[in-house]
Amino acid sequence: MKGFAITLDALVALSFFLFVMMILATQTYQPKAAGGVYLKQLTLDTITVLEKTGRIEQALGGNSSGMHELIEATPKLACMAVSLEDSRGDTVAAVVKSDCNETAGLDMQISVRPVLYQGETYLLRSESWFRKEPD
């Protein structure tokens, strides 16, 4: 009976240890999708959030701080640049995530969507890429 209690105690301790290790392993964020798919989802989701929160209209009105705030809130592993162009191709507003001026050259996703603001059509262009690893 004494051996059974010790074995049961060891199994409970081992189970608890494995449970804790599993929780710790899931706390480190890794994208579940392939790199290109993850970037595409991030790009499209960011455009959707920009549209739904009215930050595109704010940027077209001259205040791109809301757009910049959203771009800075994206995950650290990804870089992003968003720009708004008028019908002549002139850039009206542009935001690049800080410390993201260099591309890693592997994956880059670009999405372009038309935006109608005060009777004029603009193009919202969003680019995303993975942050370059420091050498």
Protein backbone atom coordinates (compact mmCIF):
# COMPACT_ATOMS: atom_id res chain seq x y z
CA MET A 1 0.00 0.00 0.00
CA LYS A 2 2.90 2.31 0.76
CA GLY A 3 4.34 1.80 -2.75
CA PHE A 4 0.99 2.60 -4.34
CA ALA A 5 0.73 5.91 -2.45
CA ILE A 6 4.26 6.93 -3.50
CA THR A 7 3.54 6.01 -7.14
CA LEU A 8 0.26 7.92 -7.08
CA ASP A 9 2.00 10.93 -5.52
CA ALA A 10 4.71 10.83 -8.23
CA LEU A 11 2.09 10.62 -11.00
CA VAL A 12 0.18 13.61 -9.61
CA ALA A 13 3.41 15.62 -9.35
CA LEU A 14 4.44 14.65 -12.89
CA SER A 15 1.00 15.55 -14.23
CA PHE A 16 1.14 18.94 -12.52
CA PHE A 17 4.65 19.55 -13.90
CA LEU A 18 3.55 18.67 -17.46
CA PHE A 19 0.48 20.89 -17.13
CA VAL A 20 2.62 23.85 -16.04
CA MET A 21 5.09 23.25 -18.88
CA MET A 22 2.23 23.12 -21.38
CA ILE A 23 0.86 26.45 -20.13
CA LEU A 24 4.31 28.05 -20.34
CA ALA A 25 4.83 26.73 -23.87
CA THR A 26 1.55 28.22 -25.08
CA GLN A 27 2.40 31.66 -23.65
CA THR A 28 5.01 32.37 -26.31
CA TYR A 29 3.20 33.71 -29.36
CA GLN A 30 3.94 32.13 -32.70
CA PRO A 31 1.75 32.70 -35.73
CA LYS A 32 -0.22 29.55 -36.50
CA ALA A 33 -0.48 30.21 -40.23
CA ALA A 34 2.29 30.21 -42.78
CA GLY A 35 4.24 33.47 -43.01
CA GLY A 36 2.55 34.85 -46.12
CA VAL A 37 -0.93 33.95 -44.90
CA TYR A 38 -0.25 35.52 -41.50
CA LEU A 39 0.95 38.75 -43.12
CA LYS A 40 -2.04 38.86 -45.47
CA GLN A 41 -4.46 38.39 -42.58
CA LEU A 42 -2.67 41.09 -40.58
CA THR A 43 -2.79 43.49 -43.52
CA LEU A 44 -6.48 42.92 -44.24
CA ASP A 45 -7.43 43.07 -40.56
CA THR A 46 -5.57 46.35 -40.13
CA ILE A 47 -7.37 47.86 -43.11
CA THR A 48 -10.71 46.74 -41.67
CA VAL A 49 -9.93 48.26 -38.27
CA LEU A 50 -8.82 51.51 -39.91
CA GLU A 51 -12.13 51.67 -41.80
CA LYS A 52 -14.40 50.72 -38.90
CA THR A 53 -12.80 53.12 -36.40
CA GLY A 54 -12.89 56.14 -38.72
CA ARG A 55 -9.12 56.59 -38.72
CA ILE A 56 -9.00 56.77 -42.51
CA GLU A 57 -11.34 59.77 -42.53
CA GLN A 58 -9.25 61.37 -39.77
CA ALA A 59 -6.08 60.90 -41.85
CA LEU A 60 -7.76 62.33 -44.95
CA GLY A 61 -8.84 65.26 -42.79
CA GLY A 62 -5.21 65.92 -41.86
CA ASN A 63 -4.80 63.98 -38.60
CA SER A 64 -2.93 60.71 -39.14
CA SER A 65 -2.14 60.15 -35.44
CA GLY A 66 -4.93 57.56 -35.09
CA MET A 67 -3.57 55.63 -38.05
CA HIS A 68 -0.07 55.77 -36.57
CA GLU A 69 -1.37 54.59 -33.19
CA LEU A 70 -3.03 51.54 -34.76
CA ILE A 71 0.04 50.62 -36.84
CA GLU A 72 2.24 50.79 -33.72
CA ALA A 73 -0.18 48.42 -31.93
CA THR A 74 0.39 45.59 -34.43
CA PRO A 75 2.52 42.62 -33.27
CA LYS A 76 6.25 43.24 -32.87
CA LEU A 77 7.26 40.51 -35.27
CA ALA A 78 5.59 42.31 -38.19
CA CYS A 79 6.25 45.66 -39.81
CA MET A 80 3.65 47.69 -41.61
CA ALA A 81 3.31 50.76 -43.80
CA VAL A 82 -0.02 52.36 -44.71
CA SER A 83 -0.55 55.17 -47.19
CA LEU A 84 -3.47 57.03 -48.71
CA GLU A 85 -3.21 58.29 -52.30
CA ASP A 86 -5.55 60.57 -54.19
CA SER A 87 -6.77 59.96 -57.74
CA ARG A 88 -3.66 61.66 -59.20
CA GLY A 89 -1.37 59.27 -57.32
CA ASP A 90 -0.18 61.86 -54.79
CA THR A 91 0.31 60.61 -51.23
CA VAL A 92 -2.09 62.32 -48.85
CA ALA A 93 -1.05 60.48 -45.67
CA ALA A 94 1.56 57.83 -44.94
CA VAL A 95 2.54 55.96 -41.78
CA VAL A 96 5.38 53.45 -41.27
CA LYS A 97 5.78 51.45 -38.08
CA SER A 98 8.80 52.62 -36.10
CA ASP A 99 12.07 50.66 -36.53
CA CYS A 100 10.68 49.09 -39.71
CA ASN A 101 12.34 50.96 -42.54
CA GLU A 102 14.20 47.89 -43.80
CA THR A 103 12.49 44.81 -45.22
CA ALA A 104 13.75 41.29 -44.60
CA GLY A 105 13.11 40.53 -48.26
CA LEU A 106 11.38 37.20 -47.71
CA ASP A 107 7.66 37.81 -47.46
CA MET A 108 5.79 41.00 -48.20
CA GLN A 109 2.05 41.36 -48.50
CA ILE A 110 0.37 44.35 -50.14
CA SER A 111 -3.32 45.17 -50.13
CA VAL A 112 -4.96 48.09 -51.90
CA ARG A 113 -8.53 49.21 -51.33
CA PRO A 114 -10.47 52.18 -52.69
CA VAL A 115 -11.90 54.64 -50.18
CA LEU A 116 -14.60 57.21 -50.92
CA TYR A 117 -14.26 60.42 -48.92
CA GLN A 118 -16.27 63.59 -49.62
CA GLY A 119 -17.03 62.54 -53.17
CA GLU A 120 -13.42 61.76 -54.10
CA THR A 121 -11.83 58.32 -54.43
CA TYR A 122 -8.61 57.54 -52.60
CA LEU A 123 -6.50 54.38 -52.53
CA LEU A 124 -5.59 52.88 -49.19
CA ARG A 125 -2.38 50.88 -49.61
CA SER A 126 -1.17 48.64 -46.81
CA GLU A 127 2.12 46.72 -46.87
CA SER A 128 3.32 44.27 -44.25
CA TRP A 129 6.53 42.28 -43.82
CA PHE A 130 8.39 40.51 -41.06
CA ARG A 131 10.81 42.54 -38.98
CA LYS A 132 14.42 42.03 -40.01
CA GLU A 133 16.41 40.03 -37.45
CA PRO A 134 19.34 41.97 -35.97
CA ASP A 135 22.71 40.66 -37.17
